[in-house]
Protein backbone atom coordinates (compact mmCIF):
# COMPACT_ATOMS: atom_id res chain seq x y z
CA MET A 1 74.02 74.22 125.21
CA ASN A 2 74.02 77.85 124.41
CA GLY A 3 72.76 80.08 127.37
CA HIS A 4 70.71 82.52 124.95
CA ILE A 5 68.05 79.81 124.35
CA HIS A 6 66.06 81.25 127.19
CA GLN A 7 65.95 84.69 125.86
CA LYS A 8 63.98 83.29 122.65
CA PRO A 9 60.40 82.30 122.83
CA LEU A 10 59.40 78.70 121.86
CA ILE A 11 58.36 78.23 118.31
CA ASN A 12 56.75 75.08 117.35
CA LEU A 13 56.65 73.74 113.89
CA LEU A 14 55.82 70.40 114.66
CA ARG A 15 52.58 70.87 116.24
CA GLY A 16 49.63 70.18 113.79
CA TRP A 17 47.00 71.80 115.35
CA PRO A 18 44.60 74.87 113.90
CA ASN A 19 45.46 78.13 115.43
CA PRO A 20 42.66 79.00 118.14
CA SER A 21 42.17 82.09 115.99
CA LEU A 22 40.96 79.85 113.09
CA LEU A 23 38.47 77.99 115.18
CA PRO A 24 34.71 78.55 114.35
CA THR A 25 33.98 79.24 118.06
CA SER A 26 30.58 81.36 117.40
CA GLN A 27 29.24 79.26 114.63
CA ILE A 28 29.49 76.07 116.70
CA LYS A 29 27.90 78.20 119.55
CA ALA A 30 24.95 79.08 117.17
CA ALA A 31 24.58 75.69 116.11
CA SER A 32 24.44 74.11 119.49
CA ALA A 33 22.12 76.71 120.72
CA ALA A 34 19.87 75.95 117.66
CA ALA A 35 19.98 72.07 118.38
CA LEU A 36 19.43 72.17 121.99
CA SER A 37 16.47 74.48 121.86
CA ASP A 38 14.43 72.30 119.54
CA THR A 39 13.45 69.24 121.29
CA ALA A 40 12.90 67.46 118.02
CA ILE A 41 16.71 67.65 117.41
CA SER A 42 17.91 67.92 121.13
CA ILE A 43 16.05 64.47 122.45
CA PRO A 44 17.42 62.20 119.79
CA GLY A 45 21.01 63.97 120.16
CA LEU A 46 21.07 63.38 124.08
CA LEU A 47 19.91 59.77 123.62
CA TYR A 48 21.88 56.81 122.22
CA GLY A 49 21.95 57.13 118.40
CA PRO A 50 21.44 54.54 115.56
CA ASP A 51 24.64 52.60 114.87
CA PRO A 52 25.29 54.02 111.28
CA GLY A 53 25.17 57.59 112.90
CA TYR A 54 22.55 60.83 113.31
CA GLU A 55 20.65 60.07 109.93
CA PRO A 56 20.28 64.20 108.98
CA LEU A 57 24.23 64.18 109.47
CA ARG A 58 24.61 61.12 107.01
CA GLU A 59 22.40 63.05 104.51
CA SER A 60 24.16 66.47 104.89
CA VAL A 61 27.79 64.95 104.52
CA ALA A 62 26.43 62.64 101.65
CA SER A 63 24.96 65.90 99.67
CA TRP A 64 28.31 68.06 100.70
CA LEU A 65 30.65 65.44 99.25
CA SER A 66 28.93 65.04 96.04
CA ARG A 67 29.13 68.64 95.59
CA PHE A 68 32.60 69.05 96.72
CA TYR A 69 33.75 66.29 94.64
CA GLN A 70 31.50 67.15 91.88
CA LEU A 71 30.36 63.60 91.33
CA LYS A 72 27.91 62.55 88.67
CA ALA A 73 26.29 59.80 90.76
CA ALA A 74 25.53 61.51 94.02
CA VAL A 75 26.67 59.89 97.34
CA SER A 76 23.91 57.73 99.04
CA PRO A 77 23.71 58.42 102.87
CA LYS A 78 23.57 54.88 103.10
CA ARG A 79 27.46 54.97 101.96
CA ILE A 80 27.82 56.93 104.85
CA CYS A 81 28.75 56.08 108.54
CA ILE A 82 29.26 58.72 111.37
CA THR A 83 32.37 58.17 113.35
CA GLY A 84 34.37 59.83 116.14
CA GLY A 85 36.99 61.16 113.84
CA ALA A 86 39.58 59.61 111.84
CA SER A 87 41.65 58.05 114.54
CA GLN A 88 38.82 56.56 116.31
CA ASN A 89 37.41 55.14 113.16
CA LEU A 90 40.75 53.67 111.92
CA ALA A 91 40.52 51.53 115.13
CA CYS A 92 37.01 50.61 114.34
CA LEU A 93 37.99 49.90 110.85
CA LEU A 94 40.83 47.31 111.93
CA GLN A 95 38.17 45.87 114.66
CA VAL A 96 35.89 44.73 111.91
CA PHE A 97 37.58 44.55 108.64
CA SER A 98 41.14 42.95 109.81
CA ASP A 99 42.10 39.82 111.80
CA PRO A 100 45.85 39.41 113.03
CA LEU A 101 45.54 35.62 112.11
CA TYR A 102 44.56 36.43 108.52
CA THR A 103 45.82 39.87 107.69
CA LYS A 104 49.68 39.25 106.77
CA ASN A 105 50.98 42.61 106.85
CA VAL A 106 49.83 46.29 107.15
CA TRP A 107 51.21 48.68 104.41
CA LEU A 108 51.76 52.18 105.00
CA VAL A 109 52.92 55.06 102.89
CA SER A 110 56.26 56.47 104.06
CA PRO A 111 56.37 59.04 105.87
CA THR A 112 53.32 58.36 107.71
CA TYR A 113 51.33 59.86 110.40
CA PHE A 114 53.61 59.57 113.47
CA ARG A 115 50.71 58.71 115.80
CA VAL A 116 49.17 55.99 113.62
CA CYS A 117 51.49 52.96 114.41
CA PRO A 118 50.27 52.37 117.64
CA ILE A 119 46.59 52.24 116.53
CA PHE A 120 47.75 49.03 114.63
CA HIS A 121 49.64 47.73 117.33
CA ASP A 122 46.68 47.98 119.61
CA ASN A 123 45.21 45.51 117.01
CA ALA A 124 47.83 42.93 117.27
CA PHE A 125 49.84 43.97 114.25
CA HIS A 126 53.14 44.25 115.89
CA GLY A 127 56.13 43.58 113.61
CA ARG A 128 53.65 43.60 110.68
CA LEU A 129 53.91 47.17 109.48
CA ARG A 130 55.50 47.71 106.03
CA SER A 131 56.42 51.09 104.49
CA VAL A 132 55.75 51.96 101.06
CA PRO A 133 58.09 54.77 99.42
CA GLU A 134 56.73 57.56 97.24
CA ASP A 135 58.20 58.87 93.97
CA GLU A 136 57.15 61.98 91.78
CA GLN A 137 53.74 60.53 91.27
CA GLY A 138 52.99 59.52 94.58
CA ILE A 139 52.95 55.90 96.27
CA ASP A 140 55.23 53.67 94.42
CA VAL A 141 52.60 51.12 93.32
CA GLY A 142 55.13 49.15 91.33
CA PHE A 143 57.10 48.39 94.69
CA LEU A 144 53.87 47.72 96.46
CA ARG A 145 53.00 45.02 93.68
CA GLN A 146 56.16 43.62 93.70
CA HIS A 147 56.49 42.77 97.48
CA LEU A 148 52.89 41.74 97.73
CA ARG A 149 53.49 39.26 95.07
CA GLU A 150 56.74 37.92 96.79
CA ALA A 151 54.76 37.84 99.97
CA ASP A 152 51.77 36.11 98.33
CA GLU A 153 49.41 38.55 100.26
CA LYS A 154 45.92 37.54 100.74
CA ALA A 155 44.73 40.51 102.93
CA LEU A 156 46.24 43.98 103.41
CA GLN A 157 45.33 47.48 104.99
CA LEU A 158 46.91 50.38 103.57
CA SER A 159 46.86 53.69 105.37
CA GLY A 160 47.99 57.01 104.23
CA ASP A 161 47.18 60.65 102.88
CA ILE A 162 46.92 59.88 99.02
CA ASP A 163 44.71 62.75 97.98
CA ALA A 164 45.73 66.29 96.81
CA GLN A 165 46.54 67.39 100.14
CA ARG A 166 49.13 65.79 102.38
CA VAL A 167 49.50 65.38 105.94
CA ALA A 168 52.53 63.48 106.64
CA THR A 169 53.43 62.64 102.99
CA VAL A 170 55.40 64.27 100.45
CA ALA A 171 54.02 63.73 96.99
CA THR A 172 50.86 64.48 95.25
CA MET A 173 49.21 60.97 93.66
CA THR A 174 48.26 61.17 90.24
CA ILE A 175 45.21 59.88 88.62
CA SER A 176 46.93 56.96 87.03
CA ARG A 177 48.65 56.09 90.24
CA ARG A 178 45.43 56.11 92.17
CA GLN A 179 43.95 53.63 89.36
CA GLU A 180 47.12 51.36 89.69
CA LEU A 181 46.38 51.26 93.56
CA ILE A 182 42.82 50.15 93.12
CA GLN A 183 44.01 47.37 90.70
CA VAL A 184 46.84 46.35 93.00
CA ALA A 185 44.05 46.32 95.88
CA ARG A 186 41.73 44.16 93.78
CA ASP A 187 44.26 41.92 92.95
CA HIS A 188 45.43 41.09 96.25
CA ASP A 189 41.88 41.12 98.12
CA ALA A 190 43.29 44.27 99.77
CA LEU A 191 41.56 47.37 101.74
CA VAL A 192 42.76 50.84 100.97
CA ILE A 193 42.16 53.06 103.95
CA THR A 194 42.46 56.79 102.88
CA ASP A 195 42.93 59.58 105.22
CA ASP A 196 40.98 62.23 103.31
CA VAL A 197 40.91 64.98 106.09
CA TYR A 198 42.66 67.73 104.22
CA ASP A 199 40.83 67.63 100.93
CA GLN A 200 38.86 71.18 101.49
CA LEU A 201 42.13 72.87 102.52
CA GLN A 202 43.51 73.60 99.33
CA TRP A 203 44.72 76.96 97.35
CA PRO A 204 46.93 78.00 94.29
CA ALA A 205 50.59 77.14 94.82
CA GLN A 206 51.26 80.95 93.70
CA LYS A 207 49.88 83.97 95.16
CA SER A 208 46.64 85.20 93.18
CA PRO A 209 45.40 88.84 93.08
CA THR A 210 41.79 87.49 92.63
CA SER A 211 41.12 84.47 94.91
CA SER A 212 42.89 81.86 97.12
CA SER A 213 39.93 79.73 97.69
CA LEU A 214 39.16 76.41 95.78
CA GLN A 215 35.79 75.20 96.21
CA HIS A 216 36.09 71.89 94.46
CA ALA A 217 38.39 69.02 94.57
CA ILE A 218 40.94 68.88 91.86
CA LEU A 219 41.54 65.14 91.87
CA PRO A 220 39.01 62.12 92.43
CA ARG A 221 39.43 60.17 95.62
CA VAL A 222 40.83 56.58 95.49
CA ILE A 223 37.08 55.67 96.75
CA ASP A 224 35.76 57.21 93.71
CA ILE A 225 38.18 55.45 91.32
CA ASP A 226 37.11 52.17 93.05
CA ARG A 227 33.57 53.11 92.56
CA GLN A 228 34.16 53.76 88.90
CA LEU A 229 37.05 51.88 87.54
CA GLU A 230 36.14 48.70 85.38
CA GLY A 231 32.67 47.80 86.63
CA GLY A 232 33.02 49.41 89.79
CA THR A 233 32.55 47.87 93.31
CA GLY A 234 29.36 46.25 91.61
CA ARG A 235 31.43 44.42 89.08
CA LYS A 236 30.87 40.46 88.41
CA ASP A 237 32.79 38.30 91.12
CA ALA A 238 32.97 41.45 93.50
CA ASP A 239 31.61 40.89 97.00
CA GLY A 240 30.12 44.37 97.24
CA PHE A 241 32.50 45.71 100.13
CA GLY A 242 34.61 47.35 97.39
CA ASN A 243 38.46 47.81 98.00
CA ALA A 244 38.70 51.23 99.36
CA VAL A 245 37.22 53.49 102.42
CA SER A 246 37.40 57.29 102.71
CA ASN A 247 38.03 58.11 106.42
CA GLY A 248 36.78 61.70 106.63
CA SER A 249 36.87 64.14 109.80
CA PHE A 250 35.66 67.55 110.85
CA SER A 251 38.76 68.25 113.02
CA LYS A 252 40.58 70.02 110.19
CA ILE A 253 37.78 71.91 108.67
CA ALA A 254 35.92 72.60 111.91
CA ALA A 255 37.61 71.91 115.28
CA PRO A 256 39.41 68.61 116.50
CA GLY A 257 37.56 69.07 119.65
CA THR A 258 34.35 68.14 117.93
CA ARG A 259 35.58 64.57 117.65
CA CYS A 260 33.30 63.81 114.78
CA GLY A 261 34.03 62.45 111.48
CA TRP A 262 32.72 60.03 108.84
CA ALA A 263 33.75 57.09 106.53
CA GLU A 264 32.58 56.45 103.18
CA GLY A 265 32.32 52.97 101.49
CA THR A 266 30.05 50.79 99.52
CA GLU A 267 26.57 50.59 101.44
CA LYS A 268 27.51 47.00 102.31
CA PHE A 269 30.78 48.44 104.08
CA ALA A 270 29.26 51.32 105.70
CA PHE A 271 26.64 48.88 107.48
CA ALA A 272 29.32 46.69 108.44
CA LEU A 273 31.55 49.33 109.93
CA SER A 274 28.23 50.38 111.98
CA GLN A 275 28.11 47.18 113.44
CA CYS A 276 31.53 47.41 115.30
CA GLY A 277 31.06 46.39 118.71
CA SER A 278 31.54 49.68 120.66
CA SER A 279 28.88 51.29 118.02
CA ALA A 280 26.45 48.55 118.44
CA SER A 281 26.81 48.81 122.15
CA GLY A 282 26.75 52.56 122.81
CA GLY A 283 25.20 53.96 119.62
CA ALA A 284 26.88 55.94 117.07
CA PRO A 285 29.85 58.12 118.52
CA SER A 286 29.53 61.81 118.62
CA GLN A 287 25.47 61.71 118.59
CA MET A 288 24.91 65.28 120.36
CA THR A 289 28.03 66.70 118.17
CA SER A 290 26.57 65.32 115.12
CA THR A 291 23.46 67.69 115.60
CA PHE A 292 25.71 70.87 115.50
CA MET A 293 27.51 69.76 112.42
CA THR A 294 24.44 68.82 110.96
CA ASP A 295 23.22 72.97 111.40
CA LEU A 296 26.73 73.97 110.10
CA LEU A 297 26.39 71.89 106.90
CA GLU A 298 22.88 72.72 106.23
CA SER A 299 22.93 76.41 106.92
CA GLY A 300 26.05 76.84 104.82
CA GLU A 301 28.16 78.09 107.80
CA LEU A 302 30.85 75.30 107.34
CA ASP A 303 31.29 76.04 103.94
CA LYS A 304 31.61 79.65 104.65
CA HIS A 305 34.14 78.96 107.28
CA ILE A 306 36.33 77.09 104.89
CA TYR A 307 36.22 79.37 101.76
CA THR A 308 36.15 82.80 103.54
CA THR A 309 38.56 81.84 106.55
CA LEU A 310 40.49 78.84 106.62
CA GLN A 311 41.60 78.56 102.94
CA PRO A 312 42.76 82.34 102.78
CA SER A 313 44.33 82.09 106.06
CA TYR A 314 46.40 78.92 105.75
CA ALA A 315 46.97 80.16 102.16
CA GLN A 316 48.84 83.06 103.45
CA ARG A 317 50.65 81.22 106.11
CA TYR A 318 51.87 79.03 103.53
CA TYR A 319 52.96 81.73 101.34
CA SER A 320 54.68 83.39 104.32
CA MET A 321 56.80 80.23 105.18
CA MET A 322 57.55 79.63 101.52
CA ASP A 323 58.97 83.05 100.86
CA ALA A 324 61.24 82.43 104.09
CA ILE A 325 62.15 79.22 102.67
CA GLU A 326 63.27 80.68 99.49
CA LYS A 327 65.01 83.33 101.26
CA HIS A 328 66.79 81.61 104.02
CA LEU A 329 66.76 77.92 103.55
CA LEU A 330 67.41 77.15 99.58
CA PRO A 331 70.52 79.38 99.38
CA LEU A 332 71.89 76.80 101.93
CA GLY A 333 71.27 73.89 99.95
CA VAL A 334 67.73 72.76 101.22
CA THR A 335 65.28 71.60 98.59
CA LEU A 336 61.51 71.24 98.36
CA PRO A 337 59.81 68.28 96.63
CA GLN A 338 57.23 68.69 93.86
CA SER A 339 58.18 72.38 93.64
CA ASP A 340 56.21 72.84 90.62
CA ARG A 341 52.46 71.93 91.58
CA ASP A 342 49.82 74.22 90.88
CA VAL A 343 47.65 73.52 93.88
CA VAL A 344 48.77 73.09 97.09
CA GLY A 345 47.31 72.40 100.85
CA GLY A 346 46.95 70.90 104.20
CA TYR A 347 49.17 71.93 107.31
CA PHE A 348 52.62 70.91 106.42
CA LEU A 349 55.73 71.42 104.49
CA TRP A 350 58.70 68.94 103.70
CA ILE A 351 62.15 69.66 103.16
CA ALA A 352 65.10 68.04 102.27
CA LEU A 353 68.55 68.96 104.12
CA PRO A 354 71.71 69.31 102.35
CA GLU A 355 74.35 66.52 102.66
CA PRO A 356 75.79 65.67 104.90
CA LEU A 357 73.35 66.93 107.66
CA LEU A 358 71.07 64.70 109.50
CA ALA A 359 67.49 65.47 110.32
CA ASP A 360 67.70 64.06 113.95
CA ASP A 361 70.98 66.10 114.72
CA VAL A 362 69.43 69.31 113.12
CA ALA A 363 66.20 69.06 115.29
CA GLN A 364 67.96 68.53 118.43
CA HIS A 365 70.39 71.55 117.58
CA ALA A 366 67.41 73.65 116.80
CA LYS A 367 65.72 72.79 120.08
CA GLU A 368 68.92 73.29 122.18
CA GLU A 369 69.81 76.42 120.40
CA GLU A 370 67.28 78.12 119.02
CA ASN A 371 64.20 77.04 121.19
CA LEU A 372 62.74 75.82 117.88
CA ILE A 373 60.88 72.52 117.41
CA ILE A 374 60.56 70.55 113.92
CA GLY A 375 59.56 67.34 112.84
CA GLN A 376 62.72 65.16 111.87
CA GLY A 377 61.81 62.51 109.21
CA SER A 378 62.53 59.54 111.52
CA LEU A 379 59.55 60.58 113.57
CA PHE A 380 57.19 59.67 110.50
CA ALA A 381 58.90 56.31 109.86
CA VAL A 382 56.90 53.14 109.62
CA ALA A 383 57.37 51.47 113.07
CA GLY A 384 59.46 48.21 112.53
CA ASP A 385 60.53 49.23 108.78
CA GLU A 386 62.14 52.45 109.40
CA ARG A 387 65.03 51.66 106.53
CA THR A 388 62.89 51.06 103.61
CA THR A 389 62.69 54.69 102.65
CA ASP A 390 65.06 57.45 103.37
CA LEU A 391 63.89 59.92 105.81
CA GLU A 392 67.14 60.85 107.50
CA ARG A 393 67.79 64.21 105.70
CA GLN A 394 63.77 64.89 105.69
CA VAL A 395 62.29 67.55 107.82
CA ARG A 396 58.69 68.42 108.26
CA VAL A 397 57.52 71.92 109.32
CA CYS A 398 53.68 73.08 110.16
CA PHE A 399 52.47 76.42 109.17
CA SER A 400 48.87 76.22 111.03
CA TRP A 401 49.49 76.50 114.75
CA GLU A 402 52.02 79.43 115.08
CA GLU A 403 51.14 82.93 114.67
CA GLU A 404 51.59 83.73 110.81
CA GLU A 405 54.35 86.33 111.83
CA ARG A 406 56.27 83.83 113.68
CA LEU A 407 56.43 81.27 110.78
CA GLY A 408 59.15 83.50 109.00
CA GLU A 409 61.18 83.49 112.37
CA GLY A 410 61.04 79.92 112.71
CA ILE A 411 62.58 79.09 109.35
CA GLU A 412 65.15 82.01 110.11
CA ARG A 413 66.13 80.23 113.12
CA LEU A 414 66.26 76.73 111.11
CA ALA A 415 68.44 78.53 108.81
CA THR A 416 70.74 79.65 111.53
CA VAL A 417 71.14 76.22 112.66
CA ILE A 418 71.78 74.61 109.50
CA SER A 419 74.46 77.44 108.49
CA ARG A 420 76.04 76.86 111.73
CA MET A 421 76.26 72.98 111.48
CA LEU A 422 77.43 73.34 108.13
CA GLY A 423 80.07 75.75 109.37
CA ARG A 424 81.26 73.52 111.71
CA LEU A 425 81.52 70.65 109.32
CA SER A 426 83.68 72.93 107.01
CA ASP A 427 86.05 73.29 109.94
CA GLY A 428 86.43 69.79 110.27
CA ASP A 429 83.93 69.06 113.14
CA TRP A 430 82.39 65.65 111.91
CA SER A 431 80.69 64.58 114.95
CA LEU A 432 77.84 66.28 113.81
CA VAL A 433 76.88 63.65 111.32
CA GLU A 434 78.07 60.49 113.26
C-alpha cells in the first residue's frame, strides 16, 4: 500500500446520494409549516392514515404523472397507493403478490441495484434469484422468454430500472422491447416491477446553449404500455390486476429522508397493495410527510426544484464527468455503453475496462493507492446467479454525491490506477489479473 494515500482526501464515486447542496430544505420547511399550521391538514396528517394513503397526495401524484408522461387517459387517483419509498414498497409488493410456495423464480435485470437482493431473501426467495442480461436495446427479452419456457414458469417478479434513466443498469430500453416484455409477462402470468425513481432526472446528452431541462418523459413507462397494449389491462380473460406496477419515490427528486413514495397499478392492484398487513394495521406509511409532499406538488415547488435546480445541476455534473472520462479514460481503452444516446439522466455512468483488467482488482487498487471508491461490477450481480452476465470488467461511477469539482479529480485518479496497472502488466506482472 502506498503511503501517499493519506495525503489525498477520500473521493467516493460509489455513493448514490444527492449532494446536500441539492436538497430542497427551504421548500420542505415551508411546506411543513403550511401543513402544521392548518388543523384541517395537520390533524389527519398526525393521525393514522387510510390504507391507500393520504387522498390529496394520491390526487396530486396522479395529476402530476399524467402531465409528465403526457398520458391521453389521465391517471386516476385510485391507481395510486402511497408508500414509504421504493425499497419499503418492494417488500410490501412481495408480501402481497408473491408466495414462495408458488412463485418459482425471481428474475432481475443485471446489473441490478446492489441492495435489492436481501429484500427478496427476506421474503424466502434464497436461491431463486435469476439474472437477465441486457443488449443495446435493453433487457434481453429473448433470453427471458427462452428460460421461462424451459422452466415452465407460472409466476414471476421482475425488478429493475427499465425506463430512460438508469440506476444500476446500462442500456435504455426501446419501446418495442417494452412491448415484448409485457407480452412475455402476460404469457407467463408474471408481474413486472419497474423502479421508476429516476424518470424526472433527464437532460440532453450533449451540452445545449439554451436548456438542460426536459419537462416531459421521452418514453412511455412499462405500466403505460400494459395499460394500452392489445386491449390493455381490461382485455378479455384478464383478471384486472395487470402485469406491471410502477414503483416511484420522492427520494431522488426531493430528499431520501422523506421516506415517501407511491406505487401505480390498476385500481384493483393498488387496492390490494394497500391491504398489506403493515399498512392495514398502522395506516399508510409516511402519512405526515405526505401532507408536505402534497404542498410541494400543488404549489409547483417540486417541479421548480426539479427543472431549475436538479436537472441543470446533474446535467453539469454529468458533462464534467464525461469530459474527464473522454480526456483521461478513453485513451486507455475504456469504453462507454450506448454512447450515441440523445437523452441521458440518473445518477450514474457505467464504463468497461480494457482487457485484461478486472473490476474487482481495479476497485481494490483505487482504494488502496488513490483513496478512491468506485463500484465494481460484481457488486451489482444478482445474488446466486452471478455468472449469467459478464460484469467482471464493468465499473459504475456516480456523479451525484461528490462536489462537482472533485468529479474530474476522481476520474483522473481512476485513470492513474488503470494506467499503472496496465504498465505493470506490460512489465510481466500478471498477478494483477489472477
